[in-house]
Amino acid sequence: MKAYLVSLIVGTIVGVTYGVLRVKSPAPPTVALIGLFGMLAGEQLITLVRHMLR
């Protein structure tokens, strides 16, 4: 739970910083979300493979 809270806080800080500096997000929201999904899926896949090998 702590990791989620830290991630949310850091993401909010980055978003506010982008807004203050009037910088566009480096990726369109949909592309960013798909990238995050891929990261999460890859992380879970590694965990699954490690569990199956035990």
PDB file of N, CA and C in Angstrom:
ATOM      1  N   MET A   1       0.824  -1.191   0.000  1.00  0.00           N
ATOM      2  CA  MET A   1       0.000   0.000   0.000  1.00  0.00           C
ATOM      3  C   MET A   1       0.867   1.253   0.000  1.00  0.00           C
ATOM      4  N   LYS A   2       1.999   1.170   0.714  1.00  0.00           N
ATOM      5  CA  LYS A   2       2.890   2.325   0.797  1.00  0.00           C
ATOM      6  C   LYS A   2       3.436   2.699  -0.582  1.00  0.00           C
ATOM      7  N   ALA A   3       3.774   1.687  -1.396  1.00  0.00           N
ATOM      8  CA  ALA A   3       4.305   1.947  -2.732  1.00  0.00           C
ATOM      9  C   ALA A   3       3.279   2.682  -3.593  1.00  0.00           C
ATOM     10  N   TYR A   4       2.009   2.327  -3.463  1.00  0.00           N
ATOM     11  CA  TYR A   4       0.964   2.993  -4.234  1.00  0.00           C
ATOM     12  C   TYR A   4       0.843   4.460  -3.826  1.00  0.00           C
ATOM     13  N   LEU A   5       0.909   4.704  -2.540  1.00  0.00           N
ATOM     14  CA  LEU A   5       0.799   6.073  -2.049  1.00  0.00           C
ATOM     15  C   LEU A   5       1.980   6.914  -2.512  1.00  0.00           C
ATOM     16  N   VAL A   6       3.180   6.365  -2.414  1.00  0.00           N
ATOM     17  CA  VAL A   6       4.369   7.091  -2.867  1.00  0.00           C
ATOM     18  C   VAL A   6       4.273   7.365  -4.366  1.00  0.00           C
ATOM     19  N   SER A   7       3.842   6.383  -5.138  1.00  0.00           N
ATOM     20  CA  SER A   7       3.693   6.552  -6.579  1.00  0.00           C
ATOM     21  C   SER A   7       2.681   7.643  -6.907  1.00  0.00           C
ATOM     22  N   LEU A   8       1.572   7.647  -6.204  1.00  0.00           N
ATOM     23  CA  LEU A   8       0.552   8.671  -6.418  1.00  0.00           C
ATOM     24  C   LEU A   8       1.080  10.060  -6.086  1.00  0.00           C
ATOM     25  N   ILE A   9       1.785  10.180  -4.978  1.00  0.00           N
ATOM     26  CA  ILE A   9       2.325  11.474  -4.561  1.00  0.00           C
ATOM     27  C   ILE A   9       3.358  11.985  -5.561  1.00  0.00           C
ATOM     28  N   VAL A  10       4.282  11.113  -5.964  1.00  0.00           N
ATOM     29  CA  VAL A  10       5.311  11.520  -6.923  1.00  0.00           C
ATOM     30  C   VAL A  10       4.675  11.881  -8.260  1.00  0.00           C
ATOM     31  N   GLY A  11       3.723  11.093  -8.711  1.00  0.00           N
ATOM     32  CA  GLY A  11       3.032  11.398  -9.961  1.00  0.00           C
ATOM     33  C   GLY A  11       2.312  12.728  -9.910  1.00  0.00           C
ATOM     34  N   THR A  12       1.703  13.020  -8.777  1.00  0.00           N
ATOM     35  CA  THR A  12       1.009  14.298  -8.606  1.00  0.00           C
ATOM     36  C   THR A  12       1.997  15.455  -8.636  1.00  0.00           C
ATOM     37  N   ILE A  13       3.130  15.280  -7.982  1.00  0.00           N
ATOM     38  CA  ILE A  13       4.156  16.329  -7.975  1.00  0.00           C
ATOM     39  C   ILE A  13       4.658  16.588  -9.404  1.00  0.00           C
ATOM     40  N   VAL A  14       4.901  15.524 -10.146  1.00  0.00           N
ATOM     41  CA  VAL A  14       5.354  15.676 -11.529  1.00  0.00           C
ATOM     42  C   VAL A  14       4.273  16.360 -12.360  1.00  0.00           C
ATOM     43  N   GLY A  15       3.026  15.970 -12.175  1.00  0.00           N
ATOM     44  CA  GLY A  15       1.928  16.599 -12.910  1.00  0.00           C
ATOM     45  C   GLY A  15       1.797  18.076 -12.605  1.00  0.00           C
ATOM     46  N   VAL A  16       1.922  18.431 -11.340  1.00  0.00           N
ATOM     47  CA  VAL A  16       1.852  19.851 -10.950  1.00  0.00           C
ATOM     48  C   VAL A  16       3.034  20.608 -11.557  1.00  0.00           C
ATOM     49  N   THR A  17       4.214  19.992 -11.515  1.00  0.00           N
ATOM     50  CA  THR A  17       5.399  20.634 -12.100  1.00  0.00           C
ATOM     51  C   THR A  17       5.203  20.867 -13.590  1.00  0.00           C
ATOM     52  N   TYR A  18       4.683  19.862 -14.298  1.00  0.00           N
ATOM     53  CA  TYR A  18       4.400  20.028 -15.729  1.00  0.00           C
ATOM     54  C   TYR A  18       3.416  21.170 -15.944  1.00  0.00           C
ATOM     55  N   GLY A  19       2.392  21.239 -15.105  1.00  0.00           N
ATOM     56  CA  GLY A  19       1.395  22.294 -15.246  1.00  0.00           C
ATOM     57  C   GLY A  19       1.975  23.675 -15.005  1.00  0.00           C
ATOM     58  N   VAL A  20       2.794  23.808 -13.982  1.00  0.00           N
ATOM     59  CA  VAL A  20       3.404  25.108 -13.659  1.00  0.00           C
ATOM     60  C   VAL A  20       4.334  25.556 -14.781  1.00  0.00           C
ATOM     61  N   LEU A  21       5.104  24.604 -15.321  1.00  0.00           N
ATOM     62  CA  LEU A  21       6.051  24.936 -16.388  1.00  0.00           C
ATOM     63  C   LEU A  21       5.391  24.952 -17.766  1.00  0.00           C
ATOM     64  N   ARG A  22       4.120  24.597 -17.813  1.00  0.00           N
ATOM     65  CA  ARG A  22       3.348  24.530 -19.062  1.00  0.00           C
ATOM     66  C   ARG A  22       4.011  23.607 -20.082  1.00  0.00           C
ATOM     67  N   VAL A  23       4.455  22.466 -19.589  1.00  0.00           N
ATOM     68  CA  VAL A  23       5.077  21.442 -20.425  1.00  0.00           C
ATOM     69  C   VAL A  23       4.033  20.365 -20.682  1.00  0.00           C
ATOM     70  N   LYS A  24       3.963  19.929 -21.912  1.00  0.00           N
ATOM     71  CA  LYS A  24       3.043  18.836 -22.248  1.00  0.00           C
ATOM     72  C   LYS A  24       3.632  17.521 -21.759  1.00  0.00           C
ATOM     73  N   SER A  25       2.766  16.601 -21.409  1.00  0.00           N
ATOM     74  CA  SER A  25       3.200  15.269 -21.008  1.00  0.00           C
ATOM     75  C   SER A  25       3.987  14.651 -22.158  1.00  0.00           C
ATOM     76  N   PRO A  26       5.052  13.906 -21.851  1.00  0.00           N
ATOM     77  CA  PRO A  26       5.863  13.337 -22.918  1.00  0.00           C
ATOM     78  C   PRO A  26       5.146  12.303 -23.788  1.00  0.00           C
ATOM     79  N   ALA A  27       4.031  11.816 -23.346  1.00  0.00           N
ATOM     80  CA  ALA A  27       3.281  10.843 -24.141  1.00  0.00           C
ATOM     81  C   ALA A  27       1.798  11.148 -23.997  1.00  0.00           C
ATOM     82  N   PRO A  28       1.028  10.904 -25.053  1.00  0.00           N
ATOM     83  CA  PRO A  28      -0.425  11.075 -24.921  1.00  0.00           C
ATOM     84  C   PRO A  28      -0.945  10.156 -23.811  1.00  0.00           C
ATOM     85  N   PRO A  29      -1.980  10.575 -23.110  1.00  0.00           N
ATOM     86  CA  PRO A  29      -2.475   9.787 -21.969  1.00  0.00           C
ATOM     87  C   PRO A  29      -2.747   8.324 -22.291  1.00  0.00           C
ATOM     88  N   THR A  30      -3.329   8.031 -23.436  1.00  0.00           N
ATOM     89  CA  THR A  30      -3.633   6.641 -23.772  1.00  0.00           C
ATOM     90  C   THR A  30      -2.352   5.827 -23.942  1.00  0.00           C
ATOM     91  N   VAL A  31      -1.372   6.404 -24.621  1.00  0.00           N
ATOM     92  CA  VAL A  31      -0.102   5.713 -24.827  1.00  0.00           C
ATOM     93  C   VAL A  31       0.590   5.483 -23.490  1.00  0.00           C
ATOM     94  N   ALA A  32       0.548   6.483 -22.622  1.00  0.00           N
ATOM     95  CA  ALA A  32       1.172   6.356 -21.308  1.00  0.00           C
ATOM     96  C   ALA A  32       0.501   5.247 -20.498  1.00  0.00           C
ATOM     97  N   LEU A  33      -0.816   5.181 -20.533  1.00  0.00           N
ATOM     98  CA  LEU A  33      -1.532   4.151 -19.783  1.00  0.00           C
ATOM     99  C   LEU A  33      -1.234   2.755 -20.323  1.00  0.00           C
ATOM    100  N   ILE A  34      -1.138   2.628 -21.637  1.00  0.00           N
ATOM    101  CA  ILE A  34      -0.813   1.325 -22.226  1.00  0.00           C
ATOM    102  C   ILE A  34       0.604   0.926 -21.835  1.00  0.00           C
ATOM    103  N   GLY A  35       1.522   1.899 -21.818  1.00  0.00           N
ATOM    104  CA  GLY A  35       2.884   1.616 -21.385  1.00  0.00           C
ATOM    105  C   GLY A  35       2.940   1.169 -19.941  1.00  0.00           C
ATOM    106  N   LEU A  36       2.184   1.833 -19.087  1.00  0.00           N
ATOM    107  CA  LEU A  36       2.126   1.425 -17.681  1.00  0.00           C
ATOM    108  C   LEU A  36       1.539   0.032 -17.534  1.00  0.00           C
ATOM    109  N   PHE A  37       0.512  -0.259 -18.320  1.00  0.00           N
ATOM    110  CA  PHE A  37      -0.084  -1.594 -18.280  1.00  0.00           C
ATOM    111  C   PHE A  37       0.948  -2.645 -18.681  1.00  0.00           C
ATOM    112  N   GLY A  38       1.730  -2.340 -19.710  1.00  0.00           N
ATOM    113  CA  GLY A  38       2.772  -3.264 -20.145  1.00  0.00           C
ATOM    114  C   GLY A  38       3.814  -3.495 -19.069  1.00  0.00           C
ATOM    115  N   MET A  39       4.185  -2.437 -18.370  1.00  0.00           N
ATOM    116  CA  MET A  39       5.149  -2.567 -17.281  1.00  0.00           C
ATOM    117  C   MET A  39       4.599  -3.459 -16.181  1.00  0.00           C
ATOM    118  N   LEU A  40       3.354  -3.241 -15.805  1.00  0.00           N
ATOM    119  CA  LEU A  40       2.732  -4.046 -14.750  1.00  0.00           C
ATOM    120  C   LEU A  40       2.586  -5.504 -15.183  1.00  0.00           C
ATOM    121  N   ALA A  41       2.189  -5.707 -16.434  1.00  0.00           N
ATOM    122  CA  ALA A  41       2.032  -7.074 -16.934  1.00  0.00           C
ATOM    123  C   ALA A  41       3.375  -7.797 -16.942  1.00  0.00           C
ATOM    124  N   GLY A  42       4.426  -7.113 -17.373  1.00  0.00           N
ATOM    125  CA  GLY A  42       5.748  -7.719 -17.383  1.00  0.00           C
ATOM    126  C   GLY A  42       6.230  -8.072 -15.988  1.00  0.00           C
ATOM    127  N   GLU A  43       5.969  -7.178 -15.044  1.00  0.00           N
ATOM    128  CA  GLU A  43       6.365  -7.432 -13.657  1.00  0.00           C
ATOM    129  C   GLU A  43       5.633  -8.655 -13.109  1.00  0.00           C
ATOM    130  N   GLN A  44       4.346  -8.756 -13.389  1.00  0.00           N
ATOM    131  CA  GLN A  44       3.563  -9.893 -12.914  1.00  0.00           C
ATOM    132  C   GLN A  44       3.989 -11.182 -13.611  1.00  0.00           C
ATOM    133  N   LEU A  45       4.357 -11.085 -14.888  1.00  0.00           N
ATOM    134  CA  LEU A  45       4.792 -12.259 -15.631  1.00  0.00           C
ATOM    135  C   LEU A  45       6.065 -12.843 -15.021  1.00  0.00           C
ATOM    136  N   ILE A  46       7.004 -11.990 -14.668  1.00  0.00           N
ATOM    137  CA  ILE A  46       8.241 -12.455 -14.041  1.00  0.00           C
ATOM    138  C   ILE A  46       7.932 -13.145 -12.717  1.00  0.00           C
ATOM    139  N   THR A  47       7.047 -12.556 -11.928  1.00  0.00           N
ATOM    140  CA  THR A  47       6.660 -13.150 -10.648  1.00  0.00           C
ATOM    141  C   THR A  47       6.004 -14.514 -10.867  1.00  0.00           C
ATOM    142  N   LEU A  48       5.136 -14.607 -11.866  1.00  0.00           N
ATOM    143  CA  LEU A  48       4.462 -15.866 -12.174  1.00  0.00           C
ATOM    144  C   LEU A  48       5.463 -16.939 -12.593  1.00  0.00           C
ATOM    145  N   VAL A  49       6.398 -16.586 -13.455  1.00  0.00           N
ATOM    146  CA  VAL A  49       7.398 -17.554 -13.925  1.00  0.00           C
ATOM    147  C   VAL A  49       8.265 -18.021 -12.754  1.00  0.00           C
ATOM    148  N   ARG A  50       8.685 -17.106 -11.899  1.00  0.00           N
ATOM    149  CA  ARG A  50       9.489 -17.488 -10.733  1.00  0.00           C
ATOM    150  C   ARG A  50       8.716 -18.445  -9.829  1.00  0.00           C
ATOM    151  N   HIS A  51       7.431 -18.169  -9.634  1.00  0.00           N
ATOM    152  CA  HIS A  51       6.590 -19.024  -8.793  1.00  0.00           C
ATOM    153  C   HIS A  51       6.442 -20.417  -9.414  1.00  0.00           C
ATOM    154  N   MET A  52       6.289 -20.476 -10.728  1.00  0.00           N
ATOM    155  CA  MET A  52       6.113 -21.761 -11.392  1.00  0.00           C
ATOM    156  C   MET A  52       7.400 -22.580 -11.376  1.00  0.00           C
ATOM    157  N   LEU A  53       8.550 -21.921 -11.380  1.00  0.00           N
ATOM    158  CA  LEU A  53       9.815 -22.638 -11.367  1.00  0.00           C
ATOM    159  C   LEU A  53      10.162 -23.214  -9.996  1.00  0.00           C
ATOM    160  N   ARG A  54       9.518 -22.763  -8.958  1.00  0.00           N
ATOM    161  CA  ARG A  54       9.795 -23.266  -7.613  1.00  0.00           C
ATOM    162  C   ARG A  54       9.116 -24.561  -7.369  1.00  0.00           C
TER     163      ARG A  54
END
